[in-house]
Amino acid sequence: MDPFNPLASVAVFQYYPETLTRTLTARAAGAQATRGEALRLAGPPEVRIQLDVEFDAADQLEKADPIVTSKDLHPTLAALEMLLYPKAALVTANEALAREGIIEVIPAQAL
């Protein structure tokens, strides 16, 4: 969730998705661990969410929605795609702080 713009992190669906699967995978210390740490966890679990959803513009076309009639489903798909990119304000702020030597930038957290 983006604290600066929470609405940009929301995807509204008219109906429930066809399938929704959430998988957790433990992140074990693994090969780089010493003998005493072999069974320890290296961090929080890796979460994978798989969503199968079908988009249909029939209802919006029936109401003659001007966005759907002119742009089809492209705005809906673009909004979902934007959830994969870090927010520009976060990237800019991290770059400025890194140049100042204040922080070490790690990859942004996915939403």
C-alpha atoms as a PDB file:
ATOM      1  CA  MET A   1       0.000   0.000   0.000  1.00  0.00           C
ATOM      2  CA  ASP A   2       1.379   3.379  -0.981  1.00  0.00           C
ATOM      3  CA  PRO A   3       0.995   5.750   2.025  1.00  0.00           C
ATOM      4  CA  PHE A   4       1.257   8.803  -0.270  1.00  0.00           C
ATOM      5  CA  ASN A   5      -1.485   7.687  -2.666  1.00  0.00           C
ATOM      6  CA  PRO A   6      -3.484   4.735  -1.287  1.00  0.00           C
ATOM      7  CA  LEU A   7      -6.094   4.818  -4.063  1.00  0.00           C
ATOM      8  CA  ALA A   8      -3.427   4.105  -6.687  1.00  0.00           C
ATOM      9  CA  SER A   9      -2.782   0.775  -4.955  1.00  0.00           C
ATOM     10  CA  VAL A  10      -6.374  -0.463  -5.191  1.00  0.00           C
ATOM     11  CA  ALA A  11      -7.843  -2.586  -7.967  1.00  0.00           C
ATOM     12  CA  VAL A  12     -11.626  -2.892  -7.921  1.00  0.00           C
ATOM     13  CA  PHE A  13     -13.244  -5.919  -9.534  1.00  0.00           C
ATOM     14  CA  GLN A  14     -16.943  -6.135 -10.274  1.00  0.00           C
ATOM     15  CA  TYR A  15     -17.011  -9.872  -9.596  1.00  0.00           C
ATOM     16  CA  TYR A  16     -14.846 -12.360  -7.735  1.00  0.00           C
ATOM     17  CA  PRO A  17     -11.810 -13.664  -9.631  1.00  0.00           C
ATOM     18  CA  GLU A  18     -11.915 -17.107 -11.249  1.00  0.00           C
ATOM     19  CA  THR A  19      -9.109 -18.321  -8.963  1.00  0.00           C
ATOM     20  CA  LEU A  20      -6.958 -16.765  -6.260  1.00  0.00           C
ATOM     21  CA  THR A  21      -3.969 -18.665  -4.875  1.00  0.00           C
ATOM     22  CA  ARG A  22      -1.544 -17.563  -2.158  1.00  0.00           C
ATOM     23  CA  THR A  23       1.644 -19.573  -1.643  1.00  0.00           C
ATOM     24  CA  LEU A  24       4.188 -19.098   1.157  1.00  0.00           C
ATOM     25  CA  THR A  25       7.739 -20.406   0.782  1.00  0.00           C
ATOM     26  CA  ALA A  26      10.180 -20.399   3.691  1.00  0.00           C
ATOM     27  CA  ARG A  27      13.482 -18.600   3.099  1.00  0.00           C
ATOM     28  CA  ALA A  28      15.973 -20.900   4.806  1.00  0.00           C
ATOM     29  CA  ALA A  29      19.520 -19.826   5.525  1.00  0.00           C
ATOM     30  CA  GLY A  30      20.591 -22.390   2.929  1.00  0.00           C
ATOM     31  CA  ALA A  31      24.079 -23.024   1.548  1.00  0.00           C
ATOM     32  CA  GLN A  32      25.621 -19.790   2.836  1.00  0.00           C
ATOM     33  CA  ALA A  33      24.727 -20.677   6.451  1.00  0.00           C
ATOM     34  CA  THR A  34      27.231 -22.053   8.925  1.00  0.00           C
ATOM     35  CA  ARG A  35      26.651 -25.461  10.446  1.00  0.00           C
ATOM     36  CA  GLY A  36      24.839 -24.045  13.493  1.00  0.00           C
ATOM     37  CA  GLU A  37      22.516 -21.916  11.336  1.00  0.00           C
ATOM     38  CA  ALA A  38      21.503 -24.584   8.814  1.00  0.00           C
ATOM     39  CA  LEU A  39      17.926 -24.764  10.102  1.00  0.00           C
ATOM     40  CA  ARG A  40      17.440 -21.041  10.640  1.00  0.00           C
ATOM     41  CA  LEU A  41      15.288 -18.782   8.513  1.00  0.00           C
ATOM     42  CA  ALA A  42      16.991 -16.071   6.428  1.00  0.00           C
ATOM     43  CA  GLY A  43      13.987 -13.747   6.536  1.00  0.00           C
ATOM     44  CA  PRO A  44      10.237 -13.596   6.142  1.00  0.00           C
ATOM     45  CA  PRO A  45       8.602 -16.100   3.802  1.00  0.00           C
ATOM     46  CA  GLU A  46       8.365 -15.406   0.101  1.00  0.00           C
ATOM     47  CA  VAL A  47       4.736 -14.752  -0.791  1.00  0.00           C
ATOM     48  CA  ARG A  48       3.343 -15.485  -4.253  1.00  0.00           C
ATOM     49  CA  ILE A  49      -0.190 -14.487  -5.184  1.00  0.00           C
ATOM     50  CA  GLN A  50      -1.665 -15.807  -8.410  1.00  0.00           C
ATOM     51  CA  LEU A  51      -4.899 -14.332  -9.675  1.00  0.00           C
ATOM     52  CA  ASP A  52      -6.923 -15.445 -12.684  1.00  0.00           C
ATOM     53  CA  VAL A  53      -9.490 -12.860 -13.651  1.00  0.00           C
ATOM     54  CA  GLU A  54     -11.514 -12.297 -16.794  1.00  0.00           C
ATOM     55  CA  PHE A  55     -12.176  -8.741 -17.932  1.00  0.00           C
ATOM     56  CA  ASP A  56     -15.232  -7.934 -19.987  1.00  0.00           C
ATOM     57  CA  ALA A  57     -16.367  -4.508 -21.108  1.00  0.00           C
ATOM     58  CA  ALA A  58     -19.920  -5.603 -21.960  1.00  0.00           C
ATOM     59  CA  ASP A  59     -21.578  -3.858 -18.979  1.00  0.00           C
ATOM     60  CA  GLN A  60     -19.744  -0.591 -19.581  1.00  0.00           C
ATOM     61  CA  LEU A  61     -20.463  -0.700 -23.317  1.00  0.00           C
ATOM     62  CA  GLU A  62     -24.149  -1.249 -22.533  1.00  0.00           C
ATOM     63  CA  LYS A  63     -24.128   2.001 -20.519  1.00  0.00           C
ATOM     64  CA  ALA A  64     -22.113   3.758 -23.257  1.00  0.00           C
ATOM     65  CA  ASP A  65     -19.290   4.548 -20.835  1.00  0.00           C
ATOM     66  CA  PRO A  66     -17.159   7.094 -22.746  1.00  0.00           C
ATOM     67  CA  ILE A  67     -13.847   5.748 -21.435  1.00  0.00           C
ATOM     68  CA  VAL A  68     -14.612   2.163 -22.432  1.00  0.00           C
ATOM     69  CA  THR A  69     -16.104   3.103 -25.795  1.00  0.00           C
ATOM     70  CA  SER A  70     -12.999   5.123 -26.711  1.00  0.00           C
ATOM     71  CA  LYS A  71     -10.200   3.202 -24.976  1.00  0.00           C
ATOM     72  CA  ASP A  72     -11.638  -0.295 -24.392  1.00  0.00           C
ATOM     73  CA  LEU A  73     -10.069  -2.069 -21.383  1.00  0.00           C
ATOM     74  CA  HIS A  74      -6.641  -0.436 -21.694  1.00  0.00           C
ATOM     75  CA  PRO A  75      -7.055   1.876 -18.640  1.00  0.00           C
ATOM     76  CA  THR A  76      -8.039  -1.084 -16.447  1.00  0.00           C
ATOM     77  CA  LEU A  77      -5.078  -3.168 -17.578  1.00  0.00           C
ATOM     78  CA  ALA A  78      -2.714  -0.190 -17.213  1.00  0.00           C
ATOM     79  CA  ALA A  79      -3.866   0.369 -13.618  1.00  0.00           C
ATOM     80  CA  LEU A  80      -3.088  -3.263 -12.773  1.00  0.00           C
ATOM     81  CA  GLU A  81       0.308  -3.029 -14.470  1.00  0.00           C
ATOM     82  CA  MET A  82       1.226   0.088 -12.482  1.00  0.00           C
ATOM     83  CA  LEU A  83       0.995  -1.945  -9.264  1.00  0.00           C
ATOM     84  CA  LEU A  84       4.247  -3.654 -10.356  1.00  0.00           C
ATOM     85  CA  TYR A  85       6.314  -0.456 -10.524  1.00  0.00           C
ATOM     86  CA  PRO A  86       7.715   1.449  -7.542  1.00  0.00           C
ATOM     87  CA  LYS A  87       6.223   4.898  -7.057  1.00  0.00           C
ATOM     88  CA  ALA A  88       8.246   7.714  -8.666  1.00  0.00           C
ATOM     89  CA  ALA A  89       8.283   9.772  -5.456  1.00  0.00           C
ATOM     90  CA  LEU A  90       9.871   6.877  -3.546  1.00  0.00           C
ATOM     91  CA  VAL A  91      12.534   6.331  -6.213  1.00  0.00           C
ATOM     92  CA  THR A  92      13.382  10.057  -6.356  1.00  0.00           C
ATOM     93  CA  ALA A  93      13.567  10.380  -2.568  1.00  0.00           C
ATOM     94  CA  ASN A  94      15.796   7.299  -2.256  1.00  0.00           C
ATOM     95  CA  GLU A  95      18.145   8.545  -4.982  1.00  0.00           C
ATOM     96  CA  ALA A  96      18.507  11.914  -3.246  1.00  0.00           C
ATOM     97  CA  LEU A  97      19.194  10.293   0.131  1.00  0.00           C
ATOM     98  CA  ALA A  98      21.703   7.862  -1.419  1.00  0.00           C
ATOM     99  CA  ARG A  99      23.613  10.755  -3.062  1.00  0.00           C
ATOM    100  CA  GLU A 100      23.840  12.405   0.361  1.00  0.00           C
ATOM    101  CA  GLY A 101      25.190   9.161   1.838  1.00  0.00           C
ATOM    102  CA  ILE A 102      22.277   8.901   4.255  1.00  0.00           C
ATOM    103  CA  ILE A 103      20.835   5.563   3.126  1.00  0.00           C
ATOM    104  CA  GLU A 104      21.796   2.485   1.216  1.00  0.00           C
ATOM    105  CA  VAL A 105      19.081   1.852  -1.359  1.00  0.00           C
ATOM    106  CA  ILE A 106      17.669  -1.629  -1.592  1.00  0.00           C
ATOM    107  CA  PRO A 107      15.076  -2.607  -4.193  1.00  0.00           C
ATOM    108  CA  ALA A 108      11.642  -1.124  -3.479  1.00  0.00           C
ATOM    109  CA  GLN A 109       9.063  -3.337  -1.805  1.00  0.00           C
ATOM    110  CA  ALA A 110       6.419  -4.688  -4.165  1.00  0.00           C
ATOM    111  CA  LEU A 111       2.823  -3.763  -3.341  1.00  0.00           C
END
